[in-house]
Amino acid sequence: MDMTRDALQYVVGLSEANLLTINGDTYTDKQIHRIDNELRAAAIEMNTLSSLIDYAKAFTNEMSDQMLVQVVSPTEVKLISCLDRDRKRECLVNVAAMVPEFSYGRYMDHESFIIALQSKFIPNDHRADLLRFAGTVKDESVAQYGDDGITQKATVKRGIASVEEAIVPNPVNLKPFRTFVEVDQPESAFIFRMKQSEGRGIECAIFEADGGAWKNEAMRNIKKYLGFALKELPQFTVIS
């Protein structure tokens, strides 16, 4: 039965489309598709802004007189043409940044948090303070009393044997790797939290606290970087 239905659909597909007029409107009795006048190449996938710049400079003569470099997001940039005869744009290059993964807003074990801070964040004063604090917290010592939603208390090691109570630093301004390595990584505010998990010891987390403003700053940095790199090639317009 299925084979008969498929065969009938195939035969119907071979027939020419018929035009029908109903209540003054024109319809067709089969689905049809417009064939574009222009041929378009598949986009080249890249991972760095420098690769995009090298490509643009090397193949300028093969592109149209007006090209757009669109900063789509902090991790994506496209090289596209202006409108062609079909009123469409051709995407020649798609650049996707390779950034390290970090679980914002999720608690992780104490050691993993310290390693992530050292490997996925650019050094600054607040990162140093946070590493120094987190690295000296005594296991099973996070004091839940006095937690007002902003500050917490914890017992930190001083020397070999002595311990004392300290306030968990908040908020902290950090610079994680979140955009292309060629541009400055935006610094933004984070809320640092610790908790004592049964059977897993101390866990740490940081929560983004700038409402996503870092994304706008990152895109401005990318636009500025590309605009300077392509300033001698006026046919390229950088937009974001």
C-alpha atoms as a PDB file:
ATOM      1  CA  MET A   1       0.000   0.000   0.000  1.00  0.00           C
ATOM      2  CA  ASP A   2       2.809   2.426   0.893  1.00  0.00           C
ATOM      3  CA  MET A   3       4.628   1.608  -2.370  1.00  0.00           C
ATOM      4  CA  THR A   4       1.481   2.378  -4.381  1.00  0.00           C
ATOM      5  CA  ARG A   5       1.023   5.729  -2.626  1.00  0.00           C
ATOM      6  CA  ASP A   6       4.668   6.671  -3.176  1.00  0.00           C
ATOM      7  CA  ALA A   7       4.409   5.724  -6.861  1.00  0.00           C
ATOM      8  CA  LEU A   8       1.303   7.868  -7.313  1.00  0.00           C
ATOM      9  CA  GLN A   9       2.976  10.826  -5.606  1.00  0.00           C
ATOM     10  CA  TYR A  10       5.969  10.441  -7.916  1.00  0.00           C
ATOM     11  CA  VAL A  11       3.770  10.422 -11.023  1.00  0.00           C
ATOM     12  CA  VAL A  12       1.855  13.479  -9.816  1.00  0.00           C
ATOM     13  CA  GLY A  13       5.157  15.245  -9.212  1.00  0.00           C
ATOM     14  CA  LEU A  14       6.134  14.760 -12.858  1.00  0.00           C
ATOM     15  CA  SER A  15       3.091  16.632 -14.114  1.00  0.00           C
ATOM     16  CA  GLU A  16       3.143  20.330 -14.903  1.00  0.00           C
ATOM     17  CA  ALA A  17       1.656  22.782 -12.457  1.00  0.00           C
ATOM     18  CA  ASN A  18      -1.852  23.994 -13.243  1.00  0.00           C
ATOM     19  CA  LEU A  19      -3.098  27.474 -12.391  1.00  0.00           C
ATOM     20  CA  LEU A  20      -6.518  27.840 -10.811  1.00  0.00           C
ATOM     21  CA  THR A  21      -8.508  31.038 -10.315  1.00  0.00           C
ATOM     22  CA  ILE A  22     -10.829  31.040  -7.310  1.00  0.00           C
ATOM     23  CA  ASN A  23     -12.732  34.181  -6.278  1.00  0.00           C
ATOM     24  CA  GLY A  24     -10.296  36.304  -8.303  1.00  0.00           C
ATOM     25  CA  ASP A  25      -7.176  34.818  -6.675  1.00  0.00           C
ATOM     26  CA  THR A  26      -4.666  32.622  -8.532  1.00  0.00           C
ATOM     27  CA  TYR A  27      -3.523  29.282  -7.088  1.00  0.00           C
ATOM     28  CA  THR A  28      -1.349  26.407  -8.255  1.00  0.00           C
ATOM     29  CA  ASP A  29      -2.193  22.733  -7.713  1.00  0.00           C
ATOM     30  CA  LYS A  30       1.362  21.748  -6.744  1.00  0.00           C
ATOM     31  CA  GLN A  31       4.281  23.136  -4.790  1.00  0.00           C
ATOM     32  CA  ILE A  32       6.836  24.998  -6.908  1.00  0.00           C
ATOM     33  CA  HIS A  33      10.159  26.684  -6.106  1.00  0.00           C
ATOM     34  CA  ARG A  34      11.858  29.694  -7.649  1.00  0.00           C
ATOM     35  CA  ILE A  35      15.323  29.123  -9.139  1.00  0.00           C
ATOM     36  CA  ASP A  36      17.789  31.838  -8.097  1.00  0.00           C
ATOM     37  CA  ASN A  37      19.733  33.773 -10.708  1.00  0.00           C
ATOM     38  CA  GLU A  38      22.931  33.835  -8.642  1.00  0.00           C
ATOM     39  CA  LEU A  39      25.160  30.967  -7.584  1.00  0.00           C
ATOM     40  CA  ARG A  40      26.438  31.102  -4.002  1.00  0.00           C
ATOM     41  CA  ALA A  41      29.431  29.432  -2.415  1.00  0.00           C
ATOM     42  CA  ALA A  42      29.307  27.566   0.875  1.00  0.00           C
ATOM     43  CA  ALA A  43      30.759  29.542   3.787  1.00  0.00           C
ATOM     44  CA  ILE A  44      34.293  28.769   4.960  1.00  0.00           C
ATOM     45  CA  GLU A  45      34.397  27.894   8.661  1.00  0.00           C
ATOM     46  CA  MET A  46      37.103  29.661  10.703  1.00  0.00           C
ATOM     47  CA  ASN A  47      37.921  30.107  14.390  1.00  0.00           C
ATOM     48  CA  THR A  48      40.034  33.282  14.638  1.00  0.00           C
ATOM     49  CA  LEU A  49      39.635  36.896  13.614  1.00  0.00           C
ATOM     50  CA  SER A  50      43.166  36.915  12.181  1.00  0.00           C
ATOM     51  CA  SER A  51      42.153  34.158   9.728  1.00  0.00           C
ATOM     52  CA  LEU A  52      39.234  36.284   8.553  1.00  0.00           C
ATOM     53  CA  ILE A  53      41.524  39.282   8.050  1.00  0.00           C
ATOM     54  CA  ASP A  54      44.054  37.222   6.089  1.00  0.00           C
ATOM     55  CA  TYR A  55      41.307  35.846   3.874  1.00  0.00           C
ATOM     56  CA  ALA A  56      39.794  39.277   3.220  1.00  0.00           C
ATOM     57  CA  LYS A  57      43.160  40.741   2.217  1.00  0.00           C
ATOM     58  CA  ALA A  58      44.158  37.798   0.024  1.00  0.00           C
ATOM     59  CA  PHE A  59      40.926  37.495  -1.964  1.00  0.00           C
ATOM     60  CA  THR A  60      39.718  41.084  -2.143  1.00  0.00           C
ATOM     61  CA  ASN A  61      39.666  41.038  -5.955  1.00  0.00           C
ATOM     62  CA  GLU A  62      37.312  38.052  -6.005  1.00  0.00           C
ATOM     63  CA  MET A  63      34.654  39.806  -3.919  1.00  0.00           C
ATOM     64  CA  SER A  64      32.089  42.454  -4.746  1.00  0.00           C
ATOM     65  CA  ASP A  65      32.785  46.150  -4.343  1.00  0.00           C
ATOM     66  CA  GLN A  66      30.832  46.288  -1.083  1.00  0.00           C
ATOM     67  CA  MET A  67      31.207  43.628   1.621  1.00  0.00           C
ATOM     68  CA  LEU A  68      29.872  43.464   5.164  1.00  0.00           C
ATOM     69  CA  VAL A  69      31.710  42.101   8.177  1.00  0.00           C
ATOM     70  CA  GLN A  70      28.944  41.442  10.693  1.00  0.00           C
ATOM     71  CA  VAL A  71      29.716  40.949  14.381  1.00  0.00           C
ATOM     72  CA  VAL A  72      26.803  38.655  15.200  1.00  0.00           C
ATOM     73  CA  SER A  73      27.740  37.928  18.818  1.00  0.00           C
ATOM     74  CA  PRO A  74      30.817  37.808  21.086  1.00  0.00           C
ATOM     75  CA  THR A  75      31.653  34.423  19.544  1.00  0.00           C
ATOM     76  CA  GLU A  76      30.509  34.751  15.914  1.00  0.00           C
ATOM     77  CA  VAL A  77      31.483  36.959  12.970  1.00  0.00           C
ATOM     78  CA  LYS A  78      30.329  36.641   9.355  1.00  0.00           C
ATOM     79  CA  LEU A  79      31.727  37.998   6.080  1.00  0.00           C
ATOM     80  CA  ILE A  80      28.740  38.557   3.797  1.00  0.00           C
ATOM     81  CA  SER A  81      27.993  40.271   0.515  1.00  0.00           C
ATOM     82  CA  CYS A  82      25.473  42.999  -0.116  1.00  0.00           C
ATOM     83  CA  LEU A  83      22.149  42.161  -1.756  1.00  0.00           C
ATOM     84  CA  ASP A  84      22.404  40.426  -5.139  1.00  0.00           C
ATOM     85  CA  ARG A  85      19.834  40.201  -7.960  1.00  0.00           C
ATOM     86  CA  ASP A  86      17.767  37.752  -5.894  1.00  0.00           C
ATOM     87  CA  ARG A  87      17.752  40.159  -2.946  1.00  0.00           C
ATOM     88  CA  LYS A  88      19.854  37.661  -0.968  1.00  0.00           C
ATOM     89  CA  ARG A  89      23.281  37.839   0.684  1.00  0.00           C
ATOM     90  CA  GLU A  90      26.141  35.391   0.224  1.00  0.00           C
ATOM     91  CA  CYS A  91      27.999  34.353   3.376  1.00  0.00           C
ATOM     92  CA  LEU A  92      31.624  33.711   2.440  1.00  0.00           C
ATOM     93  CA  VAL A  93      33.111  33.179   5.890  1.00  0.00           C
ATOM     94  CA  ASN A  94      31.685  32.190   9.258  1.00  0.00           C
ATOM     95  CA  VAL A  95      34.036  32.671  12.218  1.00  0.00           C
ATOM     96  CA  ALA A  96      33.211  30.909  15.500  1.00  0.00           C
ATOM     97  CA  ALA A  97      35.387  31.601  18.538  1.00  0.00           C
ATOM     98  CA  MET A  98      36.756  28.690  20.525  1.00  0.00           C
ATOM     99  CA  VAL A  99      36.229  29.586  24.174  1.00  0.00           C
ATOM    100  CA  PRO A 100      36.691  27.310  27.190  1.00  0.00           C
ATOM    101  CA  GLU A 101      33.544  26.009  28.829  1.00  0.00           C
ATOM    102  CA  PHE A 102      32.654  27.159  32.311  1.00  0.00           C
ATOM    103  CA  SER A 103      29.432  26.379  34.154  1.00  0.00           C
ATOM    104  CA  TYR A 104      28.277  29.766  35.439  1.00  0.00           C
ATOM    105  CA  GLY A 105      25.614  29.518  38.088  1.00  0.00           C
ATOM    106  CA  ARG A 106      26.395  25.888  38.938  1.00  0.00           C
ATOM    107  CA  TYR A 107      28.224  24.645  42.010  1.00  0.00           C
ATOM    108  CA  MET A 108      31.384  22.593  41.536  1.00  0.00           C
ATOM    109  CA  ASP A 109      33.786  20.961  43.895  1.00  0.00           C
ATOM    110  CA  HIS A 110      36.406  23.099  45.575  1.00  0.00           C
ATOM    111  CA  GLU A 111      39.428  21.845  43.611  1.00  0.00           C
ATOM    112  CA  SER A 112      37.737  22.033  40.193  1.00  0.00           C
ATOM    113  CA  PHE A 113      36.705  25.611  40.916  1.00  0.00           C
ATOM    114  CA  ILE A 114      40.266  26.682  41.766  1.00  0.00           C
ATOM    115  CA  ILE A 115      41.646  24.983  38.628  1.00  0.00           C
ATOM    116  CA  ALA A 116      38.999  26.649  36.442  1.00  0.00           C
ATOM    117  CA  LEU A 117      39.791  30.067  37.910  1.00  0.00           C
ATOM    118  CA  GLN A 118      43.462  29.628  37.089  1.00  0.00           C
ATOM    119  CA  SER A 119      42.992  28.267  33.568  1.00  0.00           C
ATOM    120  CA  LYS A 120      39.899  30.032  32.208  1.00  0.00           C
ATOM    121  CA  PHE A 121      40.158  33.530  33.697  1.00  0.00           C
ATOM    122  CA  ILE A 122      42.657  36.313  32.987  1.00  0.00           C
ATOM    123  CA  PRO A 123      44.671  37.339  36.075  1.00  0.00           C
ATOM    124  CA  ASN A 124      43.484  40.452  37.894  1.00  0.00           C
ATOM    125  CA  ASP A 125      43.319  41.606  41.517  1.00  0.00           C
ATOM    126  CA  HIS A 126      39.921  40.070  42.243  1.00  0.00           C
ATOM    127  CA  ARG A 127      40.875  36.714  40.755  1.00  0.00           C
ATOM    128  CA  ALA A 128      43.970  36.708  42.972  1.00  0.00           C
ATOM    129  CA  ASP A 129      41.843  37.553  46.032  1.00  0.00           C
ATOM    130  CA  LEU A 130      39.345  34.834  45.186  1.00  0.00           C
ATOM    131  CA  LEU A 131      42.055  32.220  44.628  1.00  0.00           C
ATOM    132  CA  ARG A 132      43.763  33.188  47.857  1.00  0.00           C
ATOM    133  CA  PHE A 133      40.492  32.960  49.778  1.00  0.00           C
ATOM    134  CA  ALA A 134      39.207  29.750  48.161  1.00  0.00           C
ATOM    135  CA  GLY A 135      42.585  28.100  48.482  1.00  0.00           C
ATOM    136  CA  THR A 136      42.706  28.589  52.243  1.00  0.00           C
ATOM    137  CA  VAL A 137      39.152  27.612  53.155  1.00  0.00           C
ATOM    138  CA  LYS A 138      39.125  24.821  55.707  1.00  0.00           C
ATOM    139  CA  ASP A 139      37.047  21.792  54.711  1.00  0.00           C
ATOM    140  CA  GLU A 140      33.584  21.655  56.290  1.00  0.00           C
ATOM    141  CA  SER A 141      33.925  25.231  57.492  1.00  0.00           C
ATOM    142  CA  VAL A 142      31.420  27.335  55.562  1.00  0.00           C
ATOM    143  CA  ALA A 143      29.321  29.075  58.165  1.00  0.00           C
ATOM    144  CA  GLN A 144      25.704  29.228  57.016  1.00  0.00           C
ATOM    145  CA  TYR A 145      24.846  31.468  59.947  1.00  0.00           C
ATOM    146  CA  GLY A 146      25.128  35.126  59.083  1.00  0.00           C
ATOM    147  CA  ASP A 147      24.304  34.435  55.417  1.00  0.00           C
ATOM    148  CA  ASP A 148      22.244  37.474  54.421  1.00  0.00           C
ATOM    149  CA  GLY A 149      22.149  36.651  50.705  1.00  0.00           C
ATOM    150  CA  ILE A 150      25.124  38.894  49.997  1.00  0.00           C
ATOM    151  CA  THR A 151      27.871  37.845  52.376  1.00  0.00           C
ATOM    152  CA  GLN A 152      28.799  34.484  53.868  1.00  0.00           C
ATOM    153  CA  LYS A 153      31.298  33.460  56.497  1.00  0.00           C
ATOM    154  CA  ALA A 154      33.925  30.739  56.266  1.00  0.00           C
ATOM    155  CA  THR A 155      36.819  29.484  58.335  1.00  0.00           C
ATOM    156  CA  VAL A 156      40.161  29.978  56.605  1.00  0.00           C
ATOM    157  CA  LYS A 157      43.557  28.559  57.430  1.00  0.00           C
ATOM    158  CA  ARG A 158      46.254  30.875  58.764  1.00  0.00           C
ATOM    159  CA  GLY A 159      49.653  29.212  58.869  1.00  0.00           C
ATOM    160  CA  ILE A 160      49.883  25.526  59.692  1.00  0.00           C
ATOM    161  CA  ALA A 161      47.484  25.146  62.578  1.00  0.00           C
ATOM    162  CA  SER A 162      45.644  28.393  63.235  1.00  0.00           C
ATOM    163  CA  VAL A 163      42.281  29.175  61.704  1.00  0.00           C
ATOM    164  CA  GLU A 164      40.032  32.229  61.730  1.00  0.00           C
ATOM    165  CA  GLU A 165      36.673  33.369  60.434  1.00  0.00           C
ATOM    166  CA  ALA A 166      36.564  35.411  57.240  1.00  0.00           C
ATOM    167  CA  ILE A 167      33.916  36.956  55.017  1.00  0.00           C
ATOM    168  CA  VAL A 168      33.475  35.464  51.558  1.00  0.00           C
ATOM    169  CA  PRO A 169      34.343  38.280  49.070  1.00  0.00           C
ATOM    170  CA  ASN A 170      31.425  39.696  47.087  1.00  0.00           C
ATOM    171  CA  PRO A 171      30.916  40.890  44.446  1.00  0.00           C
ATOM    172  CA  VAL A 172      34.041  40.137  42.399  1.00  0.00           C
ATOM    173  CA  ASN A 173      35.102  41.592  39.030  1.00  0.00           C
ATOM    174  CA  LEU A 174      36.554  38.864  36.815  1.00  0.00           C
ATOM    175  CA  LYS A 175      37.739  38.517  33.201  1.00  0.00           C
ATOM    176  CA  PRO A 176      36.875  35.055  31.890  1.00  0.00           C
ATOM    177  CA  PHE A 177      37.709  33.975  28.341  1.00  0.00           C
ATOM    178  CA  ARG A 178      34.344  34.552  26.637  1.00  0.00           C
ATOM    179  CA  THR A 179      35.194  35.992  23.227  1.00  0.00           C
ATOM    180  CA  PHE A 180      37.912  35.917  20.554  1.00  0.00           C
ATOM    181  CA  VAL A 181      41.443  35.804  21.955  1.00  0.00           C
ATOM    182  CA  GLU A 182      42.571  38.659  19.689  1.00  0.00           C
ATOM    183  CA  VAL A 183      40.487  41.215  21.584  1.00  0.00           C
ATOM    184  CA  ASP A 184      40.388  42.307  25.220  1.00  0.00           C
ATOM    185  CA  GLN A 185      38.199  40.086  27.388  1.00  0.00           C
ATOM    186  CA  PRO A 186      35.479  42.171  29.109  1.00  0.00           C
ATOM    187  CA  GLU A 187      35.618  42.440  32.878  1.00  0.00           C
ATOM    188  CA  SER A 188      32.288  42.083  34.640  1.00  0.00           C
ATOM    189  CA  ALA A 189      30.776  41.530  38.075  1.00  0.00           C
ATOM    190  CA  PHE A 190      30.062  38.092  39.513  1.00  0.00           C
ATOM    191  CA  ILE A 191      28.470  36.864  42.716  1.00  0.00           C
ATOM    192  CA  PHE A 192      30.636  34.286  44.463  1.00  0.00           C
ATOM    193  CA  ARG A 193      28.900  31.686  46.641  1.00  0.00           C
ATOM    194  CA  MET A 194      30.030  28.697  48.678  1.00  0.00           C
ATOM    195  CA  LYS A 195      28.098  25.906  50.327  1.00  0.00           C
ATOM    196  CA  GLN A 196      28.738  22.773  52.325  1.00  0.00           C
ATOM    197  CA  SER A 197      27.423  19.692  50.504  1.00  0.00           C
ATOM    198  CA  GLU A 198      26.958  16.499  52.436  1.00  0.00           C
ATOM    199  CA  GLY A 199      29.475  13.906  51.307  1.00  0.00           C
ATOM    200  CA  ARG A 200      31.126  16.252  48.804  1.00  0.00           C
ATOM    201  CA  GLY A 201      32.695  18.888  51.008  1.00  0.00           C
ATOM    202  CA  ILE A 202      32.846  22.550  50.028  1.00  0.00           C
ATOM    203  CA  GLU A 203      31.395  23.594  46.668  1.00  0.00           C
ATOM    204  CA  CYS A 204      31.817  26.953  44.917  1.00  0.00           C
ATOM    205  CA  ALA A 205      29.984  28.828  42.193  1.00  0.00           C
ATOM    206  CA  ILE A 206      29.962  32.214  40.516  1.00  0.00           C
ATOM    207  CA  PHE A 207      26.864  33.857  39.052  1.00  0.00           C
ATOM    208  CA  GLU A 208      26.893  36.515  36.329  1.00  0.00           C
ATOM    209  CA  ALA A 209      25.733  39.830  37.762  1.00  0.00           C
ATOM    210  CA  ASP A 210      26.000  42.401  34.960  1.00  0.00           C
ATOM    211  CA  GLY A 211      22.815  41.611  33.056  1.00  0.00           C
ATOM    212  CA  GLY A 212      24.778  40.568  29.957  1.00  0.00           C
ATOM    213  CA  ALA A 213      26.406  43.984  29.479  1.00  0.00           C
ATOM    214  CA  TRP A 214      29.722  42.242  28.805  1.00  0.00           C
ATOM    215  CA  LYS A 215      28.350  41.008  25.464  1.00  0.00           C
ATOM    216  CA  ASN A 216      27.939  44.558  24.153  1.00  0.00           C
ATOM    217  CA  GLU A 217      31.451  45.440  25.286  1.00  0.00           C
ATOM    218  CA  ALA A 218      32.890  42.332  23.624  1.00  0.00           C
ATOM    219  CA  MET A 219      31.138  43.108  20.345  1.00  0.00           C
ATOM    220  CA  ARG A 220      32.428  46.692  20.442  1.00  0.00           C
ATOM    221  CA  ASN A 221      35.964  45.357  20.985  1.00  0.00           C
ATOM    222  CA  ILE A 222      35.616  42.997  18.012  1.00  0.00           C
ATOM    223  CA  LYS A 223      34.245  45.752  15.775  1.00  0.00           C
ATOM    224  CA  LYS A 224      37.073  48.085  16.759  1.00  0.00           C
ATOM    225  CA  TYR A 225      39.702  45.394  16.150  1.00  0.00           C
ATOM    226  CA  LEU A 226      38.351  44.464  12.700  1.00  0.00           C
ATOM    227  CA  GLY A 227      37.786  48.086  11.709  1.00  0.00           C
ATOM    228  CA  PHE A 228      41.422  48.909  12.423  1.00  0.00           C
ATOM    229  CA  ALA A 229      42.719  45.771  10.679  1.00  0.00           C
ATOM    230  CA  LEU A 230      40.659  46.428   7.527  1.00  0.00           C
ATOM    231  CA  LYS A 231      40.932  50.221   7.419  1.00  0.00           C
ATOM    232  CA  GLU A 232      43.004  50.112   4.214  1.00  0.00           C
ATOM    233  CA  LEU A 233      40.279  48.113   2.448  1.00  0.00           C
ATOM    234  CA  PRO A 234      37.313  50.530   2.164  1.00  0.00           C
ATOM    235  CA  GLN A 235      35.086  47.942   0.477  1.00  0.00           C
ATOM    236  CA  PHE A 236      34.687  46.200   3.858  1.00  0.00           C
ATOM    237  CA  THR A 237      32.182  47.713   6.285  1.00  0.00           C
ATOM    238  CA  VAL A 238      32.197  46.373   9.838  1.00  0.00           C
ATOM    239  CA  ILE A 239      28.821  46.327  11.581  1.00  0.00           C
ATOM    240  CA  SER A 240      27.553  44.896  14.875  1.00  0.00           C
END
